[in-house]
Amino acid sequence: MADLTKQTPDPARPEAIKAVPVRHPGRWAAVAVIAVLAAMFAHMLVTNDKFQWSFLVDNAFRPNIIRGVWTTIALTVLAMLIGVLSGVVLAVMRLSDNPVLSGVAWLYTWFFRAVPRLVLAILFGNMGILYAKYHVGGVPFAGQLGDLMGVDIDATLFTLDARTLLTGFMAGLLALALSEAAYMAEIVRAGILSVEPGQEEAASALGMSRLLTLRRIILPQAMRVIVPPTGNETIAMLKDTSLVAYVPVTNELFFQLQAVGSRTFNVFPMLVAACIWYLILTSFLLVGQYFIERHFARGAGVSREKGAALRALGFGSGGGGA
């Protein structure tokens, strides 16, 4: 008589898989190498007397250095503010159907992307060579017209001295801001082009003006594309403020640190102090960039999840939904 209590294996049911974790010996070797290099680097920082840490700490946080930090922050904020606003205008001009506006915007971006910022800073710092004084008048070419007609036409409203107008700070700010506007124009243009054309068509059908559509519909959606590279440009701008030391801007951070190093003949510790200061300031910018990106990315993940769910149900492109 057969033993009915004995269960026979179900041939249709597969056996349990014995999962064996994949070994990664290369990872542990890389970790070991990195740990050794990090230990060697830390040992070098502690034991090498050339760093002169006590001298660095005593001189890197003096009042003149702190004023230089505030000047660097002011240059970064003002240059990015002017650059972003000008970049939006230039991007709209590039996308305009008017060939004159589009051509002028293209010419601007071509020039300021081609010329290095250091050259621009020194150029603006020496604009007094070109014009010692700037005459602001109400009639263009008044002097030339007066010479042509044989009369003296003085339409000058007021005169500005070049040295008073283009101070070192202003020359450096113009060089950084005008150069940044060219880069921001391309970033904003890419963000605008990333928005579906149907959005503008729908807004136009609702009777919204082009400016209102740009401000309320296009730019808010383009911000997800614009913000990450703009954060990178802000960090790059913070570092590029060191270029205005060659204008020169004497109350700038890098200029002040260089001055301390030259005066005390301890150049290297002050260069290390410059690295530390820029690392600190950049870290704050990175934190701010993270929260700004998270703010403008709200709803993007939810939309992707909803789209995946609809596609799984058969809706959307290629689906066979009812």
C-alpha atoms as a PDB file:
ATOM      1  CA  MET A   1       0.000   0.000   0.000  1.00  0.00           C
ATOM      2  CA  ALA A   2       1.442   3.392  -1.017  1.00  0.00           C
ATOM      3  CA  ASP A   3       2.338   5.933   1.607  1.00  0.00           C
ATOM      4  CA  LEU A   4      -0.089   8.790   0.933  1.00  0.00           C
ATOM      5  CA  THR A   5       1.463  11.042   3.604  1.00  0.00           C
ATOM      6  CA  LYS A   6       4.680  11.365   1.626  1.00  0.00           C
ATOM      7  CA  GLN A   7       4.484  14.477  -0.604  1.00  0.00           C
ATOM      8  CA  THR A   8       5.986  14.246  -4.014  1.00  0.00           C
ATOM      9  CA  PRO A   9       7.738  17.372  -5.362  1.00  0.00           C
ATOM     10  CA  ASP A  10       5.755  19.495  -7.758  1.00  0.00           C
ATOM     11  CA  PRO A  11       7.589  19.338 -11.095  1.00  0.00           C
ATOM     12  CA  ALA A  12       6.030  22.656 -12.156  1.00  0.00           C
ATOM     13  CA  ARG A  13       7.435  24.553  -9.168  1.00  0.00           C
ATOM     14  CA  PRO A  14      11.077  25.662  -9.531  1.00  0.00           C
ATOM     15  CA  GLU A  15      13.525  25.107  -6.736  1.00  0.00           C
ATOM     16  CA  ALA A  16      14.596  27.983  -4.554  1.00  0.00           C
ATOM     17  CA  ILE A  17      17.568  29.875  -5.932  1.00  0.00           C
ATOM     18  CA  LYS A  18      20.578  29.972  -3.692  1.00  0.00           C
ATOM     19  CA  ALA A  19      21.757  33.528  -4.217  1.00  0.00           C
ATOM     20  CA  VAL A  20      25.472  34.030  -3.814  1.00  0.00           C
ATOM     21  CA  PRO A  21      26.492  37.652  -3.315  1.00  0.00           C
ATOM     22  CA  VAL A  22      28.823  38.957  -5.971  1.00  0.00           C
ATOM     23  CA  ARG A  23      32.244  39.694  -4.611  1.00  0.00           C
ATOM     24  CA  HIS A  24      33.959  42.941  -5.479  1.00  0.00           C
ATOM     25  CA  PRO A  25      37.621  42.620  -4.545  1.00  0.00           C
ATOM     26  CA  GLY A  26      38.462  45.619  -6.716  1.00  0.00           C
ATOM     27  CA  ARG A  27      36.287  47.871  -4.559  1.00  0.00           C
ATOM     28  CA  TRP A  28      38.083  46.919  -1.374  1.00  0.00           C
ATOM     29  CA  ALA A  29      41.436  47.369  -3.063  1.00  0.00           C
ATOM     30  CA  ALA A  30      40.370  50.853  -4.184  1.00  0.00           C
ATOM     31  CA  VAL A  31      39.163  51.680  -0.662  1.00  0.00           C
ATOM     32  CA  ALA A  32      42.504  50.574   0.762  1.00  0.00           C
ATOM     33  CA  VAL A  33      44.459  52.674  -1.724  1.00  0.00           C
ATOM     34  CA  ILE A  34      42.279  55.735  -1.053  1.00  0.00           C
ATOM     35  CA  ALA A  35      42.616  55.253   2.713  1.00  0.00           C
ATOM     36  CA  VAL A  36      46.407  55.091   2.455  1.00  0.00           C
ATOM     37  CA  LEU A  37      46.534  58.193   0.253  1.00  0.00           C
ATOM     38  CA  ALA A  38      44.210  60.087   2.604  1.00  0.00           C
ATOM     39  CA  ALA A  39      46.375  59.123   5.592  1.00  0.00           C
ATOM     40  CA  MET A  40      49.507  60.252   3.746  1.00  0.00           C
ATOM     41  CA  PHE A  41      47.847  63.574   2.845  1.00  0.00           C
ATOM     42  CA  ALA A  42      46.701  64.181   6.445  1.00  0.00           C
ATOM     43  CA  HIS A  43      50.179  63.304   7.712  1.00  0.00           C
ATOM     44  CA  MET A  44      51.700  65.804   5.274  1.00  0.00           C
ATOM     45  CA  LEU A  45      49.334  68.555   6.439  1.00  0.00           C
ATOM     46  CA  VAL A  46      50.224  67.968  10.087  1.00  0.00           C
ATOM     47  CA  THR A  47      53.953  67.386   9.872  1.00  0.00           C
ATOM     48  CA  ASN A  48      55.120  69.769   7.122  1.00  0.00           C
ATOM     49  CA  ASP A  49      56.291  72.991   8.737  1.00  0.00           C
ATOM     50  CA  LYS A  50      55.953  74.949   5.491  1.00  0.00           C
ATOM     51  CA  PHE A  51      52.217  75.294   6.030  1.00  0.00           C
ATOM     52  CA  GLN A  52      52.828  77.412   9.169  1.00  0.00           C
ATOM     53  CA  TRP A  53      49.335  76.830  10.516  1.00  0.00           C
ATOM     54  CA  SER A  54      49.737  79.195  13.457  1.00  0.00           C
ATOM     55  CA  PHE A  55      50.787  82.027  11.135  1.00  0.00           C
ATOM     56  CA  LEU A  56      47.904  81.185   8.786  1.00  0.00           C
ATOM     57  CA  VAL A  57      45.288  81.276  11.541  1.00  0.00           C
ATOM     58  CA  ASP A  58      46.687  84.531  12.955  1.00  0.00           C
ATOM     59  CA  ASN A  59      46.550  86.338   9.606  1.00  0.00           C
ATOM     60  CA  ALA A  60      43.715  84.743   7.608  1.00  0.00           C
ATOM     61  CA  PHE A  61      40.913  86.160   9.766  1.00  0.00           C
ATOM     62  CA  ARG A  62      42.065  89.717  10.361  1.00  0.00           C
ATOM     63  CA  PRO A  63      39.628  92.633   9.753  1.00  0.00           C
ATOM     64  CA  ASN A  64      41.133  93.504   6.352  1.00  0.00           C
ATOM     65  CA  ILE A  65      40.653  89.885   5.216  1.00  0.00           C
ATOM     66  CA  ILE A  66      37.040  89.877   6.442  1.00  0.00           C
ATOM     67  CA  ARG A  67      36.415  93.081   4.457  1.00  0.00           C
ATOM     68  CA  GLY A  68      37.868  91.307   1.454  1.00  0.00           C
ATOM     69  CA  VAL A  69      35.416  88.442   1.988  1.00  0.00           C
ATOM     70  CA  TRP A  70      32.480  90.855   1.966  1.00  0.00           C
ATOM     71  CA  THR A  71      33.807  92.503  -1.208  1.00  0.00           C
ATOM     72  CA  THR A  72      34.040  89.084  -2.870  1.00  0.00           C
ATOM     73  CA  ILE A  73      30.472  88.247  -1.841  1.00  0.00           C
ATOM     74  CA  ALA A  74      29.209  91.625  -3.094  1.00  0.00           C
ATOM     75  CA  LEU A  75      30.954  91.159  -6.443  1.00  0.00           C
ATOM     76  CA  THR A  76      29.487  87.662  -6.793  1.00  0.00           C
ATOM     77  CA  VAL A  77      25.919  88.704  -5.949  1.00  0.00           C
ATOM     78  CA  LEU A  78      25.892  91.855  -8.094  1.00  0.00           C
ATOM     79  CA  ALA A  79      27.606  90.208 -11.074  1.00  0.00           C
ATOM     80  CA  MET A  80      25.200  87.250 -11.023  1.00  0.00           C
ATOM     81  CA  LEU A  81      22.169  89.514 -10.587  1.00  0.00           C
ATOM     82  CA  ILE A  82      23.150  91.653 -13.585  1.00  0.00           C
ATOM     83  CA  GLY A  83      24.239  88.592 -15.544  1.00  0.00           C
ATOM     84  CA  VAL A  84      21.017  86.634 -14.971  1.00  0.00           C
ATOM     85  CA  LEU A  85      18.700  89.544 -15.804  1.00  0.00           C
ATOM     86  CA  SER A  86      20.717  90.466 -18.888  1.00  0.00           C
ATOM     87  CA  GLY A  87      20.920  86.804 -19.879  1.00  0.00           C
ATOM     88  CA  VAL A  88      17.129  86.461 -19.838  1.00  0.00           C
ATOM     89  CA  VAL A  89      16.796  89.502 -22.117  1.00  0.00           C
ATOM     90  CA  LEU A  90      19.482  88.204 -24.476  1.00  0.00           C
ATOM     91  CA  ALA A  91      17.895  84.735 -24.587  1.00  0.00           C
ATOM     92  CA  VAL A  92      14.521  86.213 -25.531  1.00  0.00           C
ATOM     93  CA  MET A  93      16.265  88.296 -28.200  1.00  0.00           C
ATOM     94  CA  ARG A  94      18.020  85.200 -29.590  1.00  0.00           C
ATOM     95  CA  LEU A  95      14.667  83.413 -29.888  1.00  0.00           C
ATOM     96  CA  SER A  96      12.955  86.421 -31.459  1.00  0.00           C
ATOM     97  CA  ASP A  97      11.724  86.299 -35.052  1.00  0.00           C
ATOM     98  CA  ASN A  98      13.284  89.736 -35.580  1.00  0.00           C
ATOM     99  CA  PRO A  99      16.635  89.111 -37.327  1.00  0.00           C
ATOM    100  CA  VAL A 100      18.143  92.353 -35.967  1.00  0.00           C
ATOM    101  CA  LEU A 101      17.422  91.467 -32.346  1.00  0.00           C
ATOM    102  CA  SER A 102      18.559  87.882 -32.869  1.00  0.00           C
ATOM    103  CA  GLY A 103      21.732  88.995 -34.625  1.00  0.00           C
ATOM    104  CA  VAL A 104      22.645  91.554 -31.936  1.00  0.00           C
ATOM    105  CA  ALA A 105      22.153  88.947 -29.203  1.00  0.00           C
ATOM    106  CA  TRP A 106      24.283  86.429 -31.099  1.00  0.00           C
ATOM    107  CA  LEU A 107      27.040  89.026 -31.617  1.00  0.00           C
ATOM    108  CA  TYR A 108      27.023  89.874 -27.907  1.00  0.00           C
ATOM    109  CA  THR A 109      27.304  86.257 -26.787  1.00  0.00           C
ATOM    110  CA  TRP A 110      30.011  85.590 -29.388  1.00  0.00           C
ATOM    111  CA  PHE A 111      32.204  88.445 -28.187  1.00  0.00           C
ATOM    112  CA  PHE A 112      31.880  88.032 -24.428  1.00  0.00           C
ATOM    113  CA  ARG A 113      32.249  84.259 -24.547  1.00  0.00           C
ATOM    114  CA  ALA A 114      35.374  84.590 -26.688  1.00  0.00           C
ATOM    115  CA  VAL A 115      37.291  87.138 -24.582  1.00  0.00           C
ATOM    116  CA  PRO A 116      38.715  85.863 -21.234  1.00  0.00           C
ATOM    117  CA  ARG A 117      37.376  87.531 -18.113  1.00  0.00           C
ATOM    118  CA  LEU A 118      40.858  88.502 -16.962  1.00  0.00           C
ATOM    119  CA  VAL A 119      41.406  90.396 -20.221  1.00  0.00           C
ATOM    120  CA  LEU A 120      37.994  92.063 -19.869  1.00  0.00           C
ATOM    121  CA  ALA A 121      38.739  93.114 -16.290  1.00  0.00           C
ATOM    122  CA  ILE A 122      42.055  94.706 -17.240  1.00  0.00           C
ATOM    123  CA  LEU A 123      40.459  96.274 -20.345  1.00  0.00           C
ATOM    124  CA  PHE A 124      37.670  97.931 -18.357  1.00  0.00           C
ATOM    125  CA  GLY A 125      40.202  99.020 -15.745  1.00  0.00           C
ATOM    126  CA  ASN A 126      42.068 100.934 -18.469  1.00  0.00           C
ATOM    127  CA  MET A 127      39.084 102.480 -20.241  1.00  0.00           C
ATOM    128  CA  GLY A 128      40.303 105.882 -19.055  1.00  0.00           C
ATOM    129  CA  ILE A 129      42.946 105.664 -21.777  1.00  0.00           C
ATOM    130  CA  LEU A 130      40.206 105.635 -24.423  1.00  0.00           C
ATOM    131  CA  TYR A 131      38.121 108.441 -22.916  1.00  0.00           C
ATOM    132  CA  ALA A 132      39.272 110.648 -20.053  1.00  0.00           C
ATOM    133  CA  LYS A 133      35.766 112.070 -19.681  1.00  0.00           C
ATOM    134  CA  TYR A 134      32.308 110.894 -20.708  1.00  0.00           C
ATOM    135  CA  HIS A 135      29.927 113.568 -21.998  1.00  0.00           C
ATOM    136  CA  VAL A 136      26.238 112.806 -21.659  1.00  0.00           C
ATOM    137  CA  GLY A 137      24.097 114.923 -23.990  1.00  0.00           C
ATOM    138  CA  GLY A 138      20.600 115.026 -25.388  1.00  0.00           C
ATOM    139  CA  VAL A 139      21.505 115.296 -29.105  1.00  0.00           C
ATOM    140  CA  PRO A 140      23.606 112.536 -30.717  1.00  0.00           C
ATOM    141  CA  PHE A 141      26.580 113.740 -32.784  1.00  0.00           C
ATOM    142  CA  ALA A 142      25.945 117.323 -31.666  1.00  0.00           C
ATOM    143  CA  GLY A 143      29.596 118.343 -32.096  1.00  0.00           C
ATOM    144  CA  GLN A 144      29.860 116.888 -35.581  1.00  0.00           C
ATOM    145  CA  LEU A 145      26.599 118.526 -36.652  1.00  0.00           C
ATOM    146  CA  GLY A 146      27.791 121.843 -35.285  1.00  0.00           C
ATOM    147  CA  ASP A 147      31.059 121.622 -37.202  1.00  0.00           C
ATOM    148  CA  LEU A 148      29.151 120.758 -40.370  1.00  0.00           C
ATOM    149  CA  MET A 149      26.843 123.744 -40.039  1.00  0.00           C
ATOM    150  CA  GLY A 150      29.552 126.081 -38.760  1.00  0.00           C
ATOM    151  CA  VAL A 151      27.904 126.708 -35.388  1.00  0.00           C
ATOM    152  CA  ASP A 152      28.766 125.689 -31.856  1.00  0.00           C
ATOM    153  CA  ILE A 153      26.203 123.221 -30.530  1.00  0.00           C
ATOM    154  CA  ASP A 154      26.734 122.232 -26.923  1.00  0.00           C
ATOM    155  CA  ALA A 155      24.123 119.630 -25.992  1.00  0.00           C
ATOM    156  CA  THR A 156      26.074 118.238 -23.049  1.00  0.00           C
ATOM    157  CA  LEU A 157      23.886 117.638 -20.009  1.00  0.00           C
ATOM    158  CA  PHE A 158      26.694 116.603 -17.667  1.00  0.00           C
ATOM    159  CA  THR A 159      30.230 115.237 -17.773  1.00  0.00           C
ATOM    160  CA  LEU A 160      31.653 112.272 -15.882  1.00  0.00           C
ATOM    161  CA  ASP A 161      35.315 111.716 -15.188  1.00  0.00           C
ATOM    162  CA  ALA A 162      36.455 108.230 -16.246  1.00  0.00           C
ATOM    163  CA  ARG A 163      38.433 107.718 -13.044  1.00  0.00           C
ATOM    164  CA  THR A 164      35.381 108.593 -10.959  1.00  0.00           C
ATOM    165  CA  LEU A 165      32.994 106.433 -12.963  1.00  0.00           C
ATOM    166  CA  LEU A 166      35.170 103.388 -13.654  1.00  0.00           C
ATOM    167  CA  THR A 167      36.659 102.670 -10.273  1.00  0.00           C
ATOM    168  CA  GLY A 168      38.443  99.372  -9.781  1.00  0.00           C
ATOM    169  CA  PHE A 169      35.342  97.814  -8.238  1.00  0.00           C
ATOM    170  CA  MET A 170      33.061  99.052 -11.035  1.00  0.00           C
ATOM    171  CA  ALA A 171      35.451  97.947 -13.789  1.00  0.00           C
ATOM    172  CA  GLY A 172      35.737  94.466 -12.286  1.00  0.00           C
ATOM    173  CA  LEU A 173      31.984  94.242 -11.785  1.00  0.00           C
ATOM    174  CA  LEU A 174      31.257  95.213 -15.393  1.00  0.00           C
ATOM    175  CA  ALA A 175      33.767  92.696 -16.730  1.00  0.00           C
ATOM    176  CA  LEU A 176      32.305  89.854 -14.677  1.00  0.00           C
ATOM    177  CA  ALA A 177      28.635  90.781 -15.180  1.00  0.00           C
ATOM    178  CA  LEU A 178      28.802  91.374 -18.941  1.00  0.00           C
ATOM    179  CA  SER A 179      30.719  88.144 -19.453  1.00  0.00           C
ATOM    180  CA  GLU A 180      28.257  86.220 -17.282  1.00  0.00           C
ATOM    181  CA  ALA A 181      25.311  87.608 -19.244  1.00  0.00           C
ATOM    182  CA  ALA A 182      26.588  85.848 -22.371  1.00  0.00           C
ATOM    183  CA  TYR A 183      26.768  82.473 -20.622  1.00  0.00           C
ATOM    184  CA  MET A 184      23.425  82.926 -18.887  1.00  0.00           C
ATOM    185  CA  ALA A 185      21.819  83.788 -22.229  1.00  0.00           C
ATOM    186  CA  GLU A 186      22.697  80.338 -23.544  1.00  0.00           C
ATOM    187  CA  ILE A 187      21.548  78.639 -20.327  1.00  0.00           C
ATOM    188  CA  VAL A 188      18.193  80.458 -20.338  1.00  0.00           C
ATOM    189  CA  ARG A 189      17.743  79.806 -24.057  1.00  0.00           C
ATOM    190  CA  ALA A 190      18.267  76.078 -23.478  1.00  0.00           C
ATOM    191  CA  GLY A 191      15.748  76.162 -20.629  1.00  0.00           C
ATOM    192  CA  ILE A 192      13.118  77.929 -22.746  1.00  0.00           C
ATOM    193  CA  LEU A 193      13.610  75.497 -25.619  1.00  0.00           C
ATOM    194  CA  SER A 194      13.104  72.573 -23.216  1.00  0.00           C
ATOM    195  CA  VAL A 195       9.463  73.606 -22.638  1.00  0.00           C
ATOM    196  CA  GLU A 196       6.900  72.029 -24.956  1.00  0.00           C
ATOM    197  CA  PRO A 197       5.816  74.470 -27.709  1.00  0.00           C
ATOM    198  CA  GLY A 198       2.221  73.532 -27.010  1.00  0.00           C
ATOM    199  CA  GLN A 199       2.417  75.394 -23.696  1.00  0.00           C
ATOM    200  CA  GLU A 200       2.866  78.713 -25.479  1.00  0.00           C
ATOM    201  CA  GLU A 201       0.177  77.870 -28.018  1.00  0.00           C
ATOM    202  CA  ALA A 202      -2.307  77.049 -25.243  1.00  0.00           C
ATOM    203  CA  ALA A 203      -1.501  80.278 -23.415  1.00  0.00           C
ATOM    204  CA  SER A 204      -1.956  82.249 -26.632  1.00  0.00           C
ATOM    205  CA  ALA A 205      -5.329  80.568 -27.177  1.00  0.00           C
ATOM    206  CA  LEU A 206      -6.371  81.736 -23.717  1.00  0.00           C
ATOM    207  CA  GLY A 207      -5.574  85.328 -24.686  1.00  0.00           C
ATOM    208  CA  MET A 208      -2.346  85.688 -22.685  1.00  0.00           C
ATOM    209  CA  SER A 209       0.248  88.096 -24.044  1.00  0.00           C
ATOM    210  CA  ARG A 210       3.684  86.823 -25.026  1.00  0.00           C
ATOM    211  CA  LEU A 211       5.358  88.577 -22.078  1.00  0.00           C
ATOM    212  CA  LEU A 212       2.800  87.193 -19.627  1.00  0.00           C
ATOM    213  CA  THR A 213       3.195  83.727 -21.127  1.00  0.00           C
ATOM    214  CA  LEU A 214       6.953  83.934 -20.728  1.00  0.00           C
ATOM    215  CA  ARG A 215       6.696  85.084 -17.124  1.00  0.00           C
ATOM    216  CA  ARG A 216       3.865  82.820 -15.924  1.00  0.00           C
ATOM    217  CA  ILE A 217       4.127  79.716 -18.117  1.00  0.00           C
ATOM    218  CA  ILE A 218       7.482  79.279 -19.853  1.00  0.00           C
ATOM    219  CA  LEU A 219      10.079  80.455 -17.322  1.00  0.00           C
ATOM    220  CA  PRO A 220       8.616  78.606 -14.282  1.00  0.00           C
ATOM    221  CA  GLN A 221       8.800  75.329 -16.210  1.00  0.00           C
ATOM    222  CA  ALA A 222      12.223  76.132 -17.640  1.00  0.00           C
ATOM    223  CA  MET A 223      13.673  76.750 -14.176  1.00  0.00           C
ATOM    224  CA  ARG A 224      14.294  73.019 -13.646  1.00  0.00           C
ATOM    225  CA  VAL A 225      16.721  73.175 -16.553  1.00  0.00           C
ATOM    226  CA  ILE A 226      18.095  76.648 -15.772  1.00  0.00           C
ATOM    227  CA  VAL A 227      18.832  76.325 -12.036  1.00  0.00           C
ATOM    228  CA  PRO A 228      21.535  73.582 -11.972  1.00  0.00           C
ATOM    229  CA  PRO A 229      23.888  75.250 -14.489  1.00  0.00           C
ATOM    230  CA  THR A 230      23.145  78.637 -12.927  1.00  0.00           C
ATOM    231  CA  GLY A 231      24.338  77.260  -9.593  1.00  0.00           C
ATOM    232  CA  ASN A 232      27.541  76.124 -11.271  1.00  0.00           C
ATOM    233  CA  GLU A 233      27.933  79.567 -12.852  1.00  0.00           C
ATOM    234  CA  THR A 234      27.507  81.207  -9.424  1.00  0.00           C
ATOM    235  CA  ILE A 235      30.257  79.041  -7.956  1.00  0.00           C
ATOM    236  CA  ALA A 236      32.483  79.832 -10.931  1.00  0.00           C
ATOM    237  CA  MET A 237      31.716  83.532 -10.483  1.00  0.00           C
ATOM    238  CA  LEU A 238      32.736  83.372  -6.815  1.00  0.00           C
ATOM    239  CA  LYS A 239      36.109  81.992  -7.867  1.00  0.00           C
ATOM    240  CA  ASP A 240      36.478  84.397 -10.793  1.00  0.00           C
ATOM    241  CA  THR A 241      36.186  87.396  -8.461  1.00  0.00           C
ATOM    242  CA  SER A 242      39.854  86.728  -7.678  1.00  0.00           C
ATOM    243  CA  LEU A 243      40.618  88.056 -11.184  1.00  0.00           C
ATOM    244  CA  VAL A 244      39.706  91.622 -10.162  1.00  0.00           C
ATOM    245  CA  ALA A 245      42.867  91.676  -8.034  1.00  0.00           C
ATOM    246  CA  TYR A 246      44.637  92.505 -11.309  1.00  0.00           C
ATOM    247  CA  VAL A 247      42.451  95.562 -12.069  1.00  0.00           C
ATOM    248  CA  PRO A 248      43.329  96.153  -9.199  1.00  0.00           C
ATOM    249  CA  VAL A 249      40.576  96.020  -6.575  1.00  0.00           C
ATOM    250  CA  THR A 250      42.589  96.434  -3.389  1.00  0.00           C
ATOM    251  CA  ASN A 251      39.870  95.460  -0.899  1.00  0.00           C
ATOM    252  CA  GLU A 252      39.164  92.082  -2.547  1.00  0.00           C
ATOM    253  CA  LEU A 253      39.852  88.819  -0.696  1.00  0.00           C
ATOM    254  CA  PHE A 254      42.618  87.405  -2.896  1.00  0.00           C
ATOM    255  CA  PHE A 255      44.372  90.786  -3.163  1.00  0.00           C
ATOM    256  CA  GLN A 256      44.401  91.153   0.627  1.00  0.00           C
ATOM    257  CA  LEU A 257      45.727  87.633   1.164  1.00  0.00           C
ATOM    258  CA  GLN A 258      48.431  88.212  -1.445  1.00  0.00           C
ATOM    259  CA  ALA A 259      49.351  91.486   0.242  1.00  0.00           C
ATOM    260  CA  VAL A 260      49.824  89.741   3.589  1.00  0.00           C
ATOM    261  CA  GLY A 261      51.983  87.063   1.963  1.00  0.00           C
ATOM    262  CA  SER A 262      54.133  89.607   0.133  1.00  0.00           C
ATOM    263  CA  ARG A 263      54.543  91.818   3.185  1.00  0.00           C
ATOM    264  CA  THR A 264      55.597  88.967   5.474  1.00  0.00           C
ATOM    265  CA  PHE A 265      57.465  86.918   2.814  1.00  0.00           C
ATOM    266  CA  ASN A 266      55.214  83.953   3.668  1.00  0.00           C
ATOM    267  CA  VAL A 267      53.396  83.564   0.368  1.00  0.00           C
ATOM    268  CA  PHE A 268      52.494  79.885   0.528  1.00  0.00           C
ATOM    269  CA  PRO A 269      50.491  79.944   3.810  1.00  0.00           C
ATOM    270  CA  MET A 270      48.377  82.802   2.443  1.00  0.00           C
ATOM    271  CA  LEU A 271      47.707  80.835  -0.740  1.00  0.00           C
ATOM    272  CA  VAL A 272      46.509  77.969   1.446  1.00  0.00           C
ATOM    273  CA  ALA A 273      44.334  80.463   3.343  1.00  0.00           C
ATOM    274  CA  ALA A 274      42.815  81.575   0.021  1.00  0.00           C
ATOM    275  CA  CYS A 275      41.952  77.944  -0.768  1.00  0.00           C
ATOM    276  CA  ILE A 276      40.307  77.561   2.649  1.00  0.00           C
ATOM    277  CA  TRP A 277      38.264  80.738   2.278  1.00  0.00           C
ATOM    278  CA  TYR A 278      37.009  79.802  -1.199  1.00  0.00           C
ATOM    279  CA  LEU A 279      36.181  76.284   0.025  1.00  0.00           C
ATOM    280  CA  ILE A 280      34.084  77.751   2.857  1.00  0.00           C
ATOM    281  CA  LEU A 281      32.209  80.190   0.608  1.00  0.00           C
ATOM    282  CA  THR A 282      31.635  77.581  -2.101  1.00  0.00           C
ATOM    283  CA  SER A 283      30.239  75.132   0.459  1.00  0.00           C
ATOM    284  CA  PHE A 284      27.561  77.651   1.455  1.00  0.00           C
ATOM    285  CA  LEU A 285      26.663  78.135  -2.202  1.00  0.00           C
ATOM    286  CA  LEU A 286      26.385  74.373  -2.724  1.00  0.00           C
ATOM    287  CA  VAL A 287      23.937  74.108   0.175  1.00  0.00           C
ATOM    288  CA  GLY A 288      21.853  76.949  -1.233  1.00  0.00           C
ATOM    289  CA  GLN A 289      21.894  75.373  -4.694  1.00  0.00           C
ATOM    290  CA  TYR A 290      20.610  72.090  -3.265  1.00  0.00           C
ATOM    291  CA  PHE A 291      17.560  73.706  -1.655  1.00  0.00           C
ATOM    292  CA  ILE A 292      16.804  75.862  -4.714  1.00  0.00           C
ATOM    293  CA  GLU A 293      16.963  72.851  -7.021  1.00  0.00           C
ATOM    294  CA  ARG A 294      14.695  70.885  -4.677  1.00  0.00           C
ATOM    295  CA  HIS A 295      12.201  73.776  -4.657  1.00  0.00           C
ATOM    296  CA  PHE A 296      11.932  73.992  -8.448  1.00  0.00           C
ATOM    297  CA  ALA A 297      11.917  70.202  -8.851  1.00  0.00           C
ATOM    298  CA  ARG A 298       8.703  69.835  -6.834  1.00  0.00           C
ATOM    299  CA  GLY A 299       6.183  67.729  -8.706  1.00  0.00           C
ATOM    300  CA  ALA A 300       8.663  66.455 -11.271  1.00  0.00           C
ATOM    301  CA  GLY A 301       9.082  63.094  -9.546  1.00  0.00           C
ATOM    302  CA  VAL A 302       5.337  62.770  -8.972  1.00  0.00           C
ATOM    303  CA  SER A 303       4.680  63.426 -12.655  1.00  0.00           C
ATOM    304  CA  ARG A 304       7.140  60.733 -13.683  1.00  0.00           C
ATOM    305  CA  GLU A 305       5.530  58.253 -11.285  1.00  0.00           C
ATOM    306  CA  LYS A 306       2.053  59.057 -12.617  1.00  0.00           C
ATOM    307  CA  GLY A 307       3.281  58.685 -16.190  1.00  0.00           C
ATOM    308  CA  ALA A 308       4.821  55.296 -15.411  1.00  0.00           C
ATOM    309  CA  ALA A 309       1.609  54.150 -13.729  1.00  0.00           C
ATOM    310  CA  LEU A 310      -0.505  55.239 -16.706  1.00  0.00           C
ATOM    311  CA  ARG A 311       1.814  53.499 -19.136  1.00  0.00           C
ATOM    312  CA  ALA A 312       1.606  50.342 -17.028  1.00  0.00           C
ATOM    313  CA  LEU A 313      -2.198  50.503 -17.315  1.00  0.00           C
ATOM    314  CA  GLY A 314      -1.965  50.782 -21.102  1.00  0.00           C
ATOM    315  CA  PHE A 315      -2.373  54.526 -21.509  1.00  0.00           C
ATOM    316  CA  GLY A 316       0.086  56.812 -23.227  1.00  0.00           C
ATOM    317  CA  SER A 317       2.268  56.316 -26.262  1.00  0.00           C
ATOM    318  CA  GLY A 318       2.244  52.798 -27.583  1.00  0.00           C
ATOM    319  CA  GLY A 319      -0.418  51.731 -25.101  1.00  0.00           C
ATOM    320  CA  GLY A 320      -3.538  49.805 -25.885  1.00  0.00           C
ATOM    321  CA  GLY A 321      -5.818  51.425 -23.347  1.00  0.00           C
ATOM    322  CA  ALA A 322      -9.545  51.547 -23.886  1.00  0.00           C
END
